[in-house]
Each structure stands twice: as C-alpha cells, then as structure tokens.
Amino acid sequence: MRTINISVTDDQRKLVDRLVTKLGFANRSEFFRTLLRRITTNPELVEEPKLSTKALRRYEKMIRDIDSGKVKTFKADSVEDLMEHLMKGVKQ
C-alpha cells in the first residue's frame, strides 16, 4: 500500500480524530480509506448541490419566458457594452 500526505487545518485534524474515535476506526488511514470507498460507490456525496424543486421550476419558467420572447435578453460584446446597458436601465 502507498502512503500519501494531505495538509489539513488544526480544526480539520481535530474533526477527523473525533470521527475516528466516535465511529470506531482503528486509525486515520482506515477512516480515509473508508471515506474514499464511500465516495467511489456514492459519487452524489461530493457532486454539486442540485436545485430545489421550487428553484428548478423558477429556472425552467425563466428559460421558457426567454425562449418564447416574453422576456428580452441582452448580449454584450464587451464589459463596456454591458455597463452602458445597465446604466440605461438605472437612469430610466
């Protein structure tokens, strides 16, 4: 078996040590090997969070409104174009 080293903060080390003791691991290495196995078999543990149902519905409505032309969009060719467009909205 190979050895790898990782840098962690003191708080992270203390957390790992508490979890090792609480969960009954023999040592930190056993804890991390188990953690890696869990992530391998359940990748959703580390995937980006998914939108809530409410947020997803709101997002889908925004897309429908844009696609249907109900909501106008603006495509800026530069930061200056974007700032000019935004400032027009503020002045109105």
N, C-alpha and C. Protein backbone atom coordinates (compact mmCIF):
# COMPACT_ATOMS: atom_id res chain seq x y z
N MET A 1 0.84 -1.17 0.00
CA MET A 1 0.00 0.00 0.00
C MET A 1 0.90 1.24 0.00
N ARG A 2 0.49 2.26 -0.75
CA ARG A 2 1.26 3.51 -0.84
C ARG A 2 0.81 4.49 0.24
N THR A 3 1.66 5.43 0.56
CA THR A 3 1.36 6.47 1.53
C THR A 3 1.21 7.80 0.80
N ILE A 4 0.18 8.56 1.16
CA ILE A 4 0.04 9.92 0.66
C ILE A 4 -0.10 10.84 1.86
N ASN A 5 0.31 12.07 1.68
CA ASN A 5 0.20 13.07 2.74
C ASN A 5 -0.76 14.15 2.29
N ILE A 6 -1.62 14.61 3.18
CA ILE A 6 -2.51 15.72 2.87
C ILE A 6 -2.36 16.77 3.97
N SER A 7 -2.51 18.02 3.58
CA SER A 7 -2.45 19.11 4.55
C SER A 7 -3.87 19.46 4.97
N VAL A 8 -4.08 19.57 6.27
CA VAL A 8 -5.37 19.97 6.81
C VAL A 8 -5.14 20.99 7.91
N THR A 9 -6.19 21.75 8.19
CA THR A 9 -6.09 22.71 9.28
C THR A 9 -6.15 21.95 10.61
N ASP A 10 -5.81 22.64 11.68
CA ASP A 10 -5.91 22.02 13.01
C ASP A 10 -7.35 21.59 13.30
N ASP A 11 -8.31 22.45 12.93
CA ASP A 11 -9.71 22.11 13.17
C ASP A 11 -10.12 20.85 12.38
N GLN A 12 -9.66 20.74 11.15
CA GLN A 12 -9.98 19.55 10.36
C GLN A 12 -9.35 18.30 10.97
N ARG A 13 -8.11 18.42 11.43
CA ARG A 13 -7.45 17.28 12.07
C ARG A 13 -8.21 16.85 13.32
N LYS A 14 -8.62 17.82 14.11
CA LYS A 14 -9.39 17.51 15.33
C LYS A 14 -10.71 16.83 14.97
N LEU A 15 -11.36 17.31 13.91
CA LEU A 15 -12.62 16.70 13.47
C LEU A 15 -12.40 15.26 13.05
N VAL A 16 -11.37 15.03 12.25
CA VAL A 16 -11.05 13.66 11.81
C VAL A 16 -10.78 12.78 13.02
N ASP A 17 -10.00 13.26 13.96
CA ASP A 17 -9.69 12.47 15.15
C ASP A 17 -10.96 12.15 15.96
N ARG A 18 -11.85 13.13 16.08
CA ARG A 18 -13.11 12.86 16.79
C ARG A 18 -13.95 11.81 16.05
N LEU A 19 -14.00 11.93 14.71
CA LEU A 19 -14.78 10.97 13.93
C LEU A 19 -14.16 9.57 13.99
N VAL A 20 -12.84 9.50 13.94
CA VAL A 20 -12.15 8.21 14.05
C VAL A 20 -12.55 7.53 15.35
N THR A 21 -12.53 8.27 16.43
CA THR A 21 -12.88 7.71 17.74
C THR A 21 -14.37 7.38 17.81
N LYS A 22 -15.19 8.33 17.43
CA LYS A 22 -16.65 8.16 17.52
C LYS A 22 -17.16 7.00 16.67
N LEU A 23 -16.59 6.86 15.46
CA LEU A 23 -17.07 5.83 14.54
C LEU A 23 -16.32 4.51 14.67
N GLY A 24 -15.32 4.47 15.53
CA GLY A 24 -14.64 3.22 15.82
C GLY A 24 -13.58 2.79 14.83
N PHE A 25 -13.01 3.72 14.11
CA PHE A 25 -11.93 3.36 13.19
C PHE A 25 -10.66 3.12 13.99
N ALA A 26 -9.80 2.26 13.47
CA ALA A 26 -8.55 1.95 14.15
C ALA A 26 -7.57 3.12 14.06
N ASN A 27 -7.66 3.88 12.96
CA ASN A 27 -6.74 4.99 12.77
C ASN A 27 -7.26 5.90 11.66
N ARG A 28 -6.56 7.00 11.42
CA ARG A 28 -6.98 7.95 10.38
C ARG A 28 -6.96 7.32 9.00
N SER A 29 -5.97 6.50 8.72
CA SER A 29 -5.88 5.88 7.40
C SER A 29 -7.12 5.04 7.10
N GLU A 30 -7.56 4.26 8.07
CA GLU A 30 -8.76 3.45 7.88
C GLU A 30 -9.97 4.35 7.61
N PHE A 31 -10.05 5.46 8.35
CA PHE A 31 -11.14 6.42 8.14
C PHE A 31 -11.13 6.93 6.70
N PHE A 32 -9.97 7.40 6.21
CA PHE A 32 -9.90 7.96 4.87
C PHE A 32 -10.11 6.90 3.79
N ARG A 33 -9.63 5.67 3.99
CA ARG A 33 -9.89 4.61 3.01
C ARG A 33 -11.38 4.33 2.91
N THR A 34 -12.05 4.29 4.05
CA THR A 34 -13.49 4.06 4.05
C THR A 34 -14.21 5.22 3.37
N LEU A 35 -13.79 6.45 3.67
CA LEU A 35 -14.37 7.63 3.04
C LEU A 35 -14.22 7.56 1.52
N LEU A 36 -13.04 7.20 1.04
CA LEU A 36 -12.81 7.08 -0.40
C LEU A 36 -13.69 5.99 -1.03
N ARG A 37 -13.84 4.85 -0.34
CA ARG A 37 -14.72 3.80 -0.85
C ARG A 37 -16.17 4.28 -0.94
N ARG A 38 -16.62 5.02 0.08
CA ARG A 38 -17.99 5.53 0.08
C ARG A 38 -18.21 6.51 -1.07
N ILE A 39 -17.25 7.39 -1.30
CA ILE A 39 -17.38 8.36 -2.39
C ILE A 39 -17.37 7.65 -3.74
N THR A 40 -16.57 6.61 -3.85
CA THR A 40 -16.50 5.85 -5.11
C THR A 40 -17.83 5.17 -5.41
N THR A 41 -18.46 4.61 -4.39
CA THR A 41 -19.73 3.91 -4.61
C THR A 41 -20.94 4.84 -4.57
N ASN A 42 -20.78 6.04 -4.00
CA ASN A 42 -21.87 7.03 -3.92
C ASN A 42 -21.35 8.41 -4.33
N PRO A 43 -21.06 8.62 -5.62
CA PRO A 43 -20.46 9.88 -6.04
C PRO A 43 -21.34 11.09 -5.74
N GLU A 44 -22.63 10.89 -5.54
CA GLU A 44 -23.51 12.01 -5.23
C GLU A 44 -23.14 12.69 -3.90
N LEU A 45 -22.33 12.01 -3.08
CA LEU A 45 -21.88 12.61 -1.83
C LEU A 45 -21.03 13.85 -2.06
N VAL A 46 -20.37 13.94 -3.20
CA VAL A 46 -19.49 15.07 -3.47
C VAL A 46 -19.87 15.84 -4.73
N GLU A 47 -21.00 15.49 -5.34
CA GLU A 47 -21.44 16.22 -6.52
C GLU A 47 -21.95 17.59 -6.10
N GLU A 48 -22.00 18.49 -7.07
CA GLU A 48 -22.52 19.82 -6.79
C GLU A 48 -23.97 19.71 -6.33
N PRO A 49 -24.37 20.58 -5.43
CA PRO A 49 -25.75 20.54 -4.96
C PRO A 49 -26.73 20.77 -6.10
N LYS A 50 -27.85 20.13 -6.01
CA LYS A 50 -28.88 20.28 -7.02
C LYS A 50 -29.86 21.35 -6.57
N LEU A 51 -30.53 21.96 -7.55
CA LEU A 51 -31.52 22.98 -7.23
C LEU A 51 -32.71 22.35 -6.51
N SER A 52 -33.32 23.12 -5.64
CA SER A 52 -34.55 22.66 -5.00
C SER A 52 -35.64 22.60 -6.07
N THR A 53 -36.71 21.90 -5.79
CA THR A 53 -37.82 21.79 -6.74
C THR A 53 -38.36 23.16 -7.09
N LYS A 54 -38.52 24.00 -6.08
CA LYS A 54 -39.05 25.36 -6.30
C LYS A 54 -38.11 26.17 -7.19
N ALA A 55 -36.81 26.12 -6.89
CA ALA A 55 -35.83 26.87 -7.69
C ALA A 55 -35.76 26.33 -9.11
N LEU A 56 -35.86 25.02 -9.27
CA LEU A 56 -35.84 24.41 -10.60
C LEU A 56 -37.04 24.88 -11.42
N ARG A 57 -38.23 24.91 -10.81
CA ARG A 57 -39.43 25.39 -11.52
C ARG A 57 -39.25 26.85 -11.94
N ARG A 58 -38.70 27.66 -11.04
CA ARG A 58 -38.49 29.08 -11.33
C ARG A 58 -37.49 29.23 -12.49
N TYR A 59 -36.44 28.45 -12.47
CA TYR A 59 -35.44 28.48 -13.53
C TYR A 59 -36.05 28.05 -14.86
N GLU A 60 -36.82 26.96 -14.85
CA GLU A 60 -37.44 26.47 -16.09
C GLU A 60 -38.40 27.51 -16.66
N LYS A 61 -39.13 28.23 -15.80
CA LYS A 61 -40.04 29.28 -16.26
C LYS A 61 -39.24 30.40 -16.91
N MET A 62 -38.12 30.78 -16.31
CA MET A 62 -37.29 31.82 -16.89
C MET A 62 -36.83 31.43 -18.29
N ILE A 63 -36.41 30.19 -18.45
CA ILE A 63 -35.96 29.70 -19.76
C ILE A 63 -37.11 29.73 -20.76
N ARG A 64 -38.30 29.28 -20.34
CA ARG A 64 -39.47 29.31 -21.24
C ARG A 64 -39.79 30.74 -21.65
N ASP A 65 -39.75 31.67 -20.69
CA ASP A 65 -40.05 33.07 -21.00
C ASP A 65 -39.04 33.65 -21.97
N ILE A 66 -37.78 33.30 -21.82
CA ILE A 66 -36.75 33.78 -22.75
C ILE A 66 -36.96 33.16 -24.12
N ASP A 67 -37.18 31.83 -24.16
CA ASP A 67 -37.36 31.14 -25.45
C ASP A 67 -38.58 31.64 -26.20
N SER A 68 -39.64 31.99 -25.47
CA SER A 68 -40.88 32.43 -26.12
C SER A 68 -40.82 33.90 -26.53
N GLY A 69 -39.81 34.62 -26.09
CA GLY A 69 -39.69 36.04 -26.40
C GLY A 69 -40.42 36.93 -25.40
N LYS A 70 -41.04 36.33 -24.41
CA LYS A 70 -41.76 37.10 -23.38
C LYS A 70 -40.81 38.01 -22.62
N VAL A 71 -39.59 37.55 -22.43
CA VAL A 71 -38.56 38.33 -21.73
C VAL A 71 -37.44 38.62 -22.72
N LYS A 72 -37.05 39.88 -22.80
CA LYS A 72 -35.97 40.26 -23.70
C LYS A 72 -34.63 39.99 -23.03
N THR A 73 -33.67 39.61 -23.82
CA THR A 73 -32.32 39.39 -23.32
C THR A 73 -31.38 40.37 -23.99
N PHE A 74 -30.21 40.52 -23.42
CA PHE A 74 -29.20 41.42 -23.96
C PHE A 74 -27.88 40.68 -24.02
N LYS A 75 -27.22 40.77 -25.18
CA LYS A 75 -25.91 40.15 -25.32
C LYS A 75 -24.88 41.26 -25.46
N ALA A 76 -24.00 41.33 -24.50
CA ALA A 76 -22.96 42.36 -24.51
C ALA A 76 -21.72 41.82 -25.22
N ASP A 77 -21.13 42.67 -26.03
CA ASP A 77 -19.89 42.30 -26.73
C ASP A 77 -18.66 42.65 -25.90
N SER A 78 -18.87 43.46 -24.86
CA SER A 78 -17.75 43.84 -24.01
C SER A 78 -18.29 44.28 -22.66
N VAL A 79 -17.41 44.45 -21.72
CA VAL A 79 -17.80 44.93 -20.39
C VAL A 79 -18.39 46.33 -20.53
N GLU A 80 -17.79 47.12 -21.40
CA GLU A 80 -18.28 48.49 -21.60
C GLU A 80 -19.72 48.47 -22.11
N ASP A 81 -20.02 47.59 -23.08
CA ASP A 81 -21.39 47.47 -23.59
C ASP A 81 -22.35 47.07 -22.47
N LEU A 82 -21.93 46.14 -21.66
CA LEU A 82 -22.77 45.69 -20.56
C LEU A 82 -23.03 46.83 -19.58
N MET A 83 -21.98 47.54 -19.20
CA MET A 83 -22.13 48.65 -18.25
C MET A 83 -23.05 49.74 -18.82
N GLU A 84 -22.88 50.05 -20.10
CA GLU A 84 -23.73 51.06 -20.74
C GLU A 84 -25.20 50.62 -20.70
N HIS A 85 -25.44 49.36 -21.02
CA HIS A 85 -26.80 48.83 -20.99
C HIS A 85 -27.39 48.88 -19.58
N LEU A 86 -26.59 48.49 -18.60
CA LEU A 86 -27.07 48.51 -17.21
C LEU A 86 -27.36 49.93 -16.74
N MET A 87 -26.52 50.86 -17.12
CA MET A 87 -26.72 52.25 -16.70
C MET A 87 -27.96 52.84 -17.34
N LYS A 88 -28.30 52.45 -18.55
CA LYS A 88 -29.54 52.92 -19.19
C LYS A 88 -30.73 52.49 -18.35
N GLY A 89 -30.68 51.27 -17.83
CA GLY A 89 -31.78 50.78 -17.00
C GLY A 89 -31.90 51.55 -15.70
N VAL A 90 -30.78 51.97 -15.15
CA VAL A 90 -30.77 52.71 -13.88
C VAL A 90 -31.34 54.10 -14.08
N LYS A 91 -31.04 54.72 -15.21
CA LYS A 91 -31.46 56.10 -15.48
C LYS A 91 -32.96 56.20 -15.78
N GLN A 92 -33.57 55.10 -16.17
CA GLN A 92 -35.00 55.15 -16.56
C GLN A 92 -35.91 55.23 -15.39
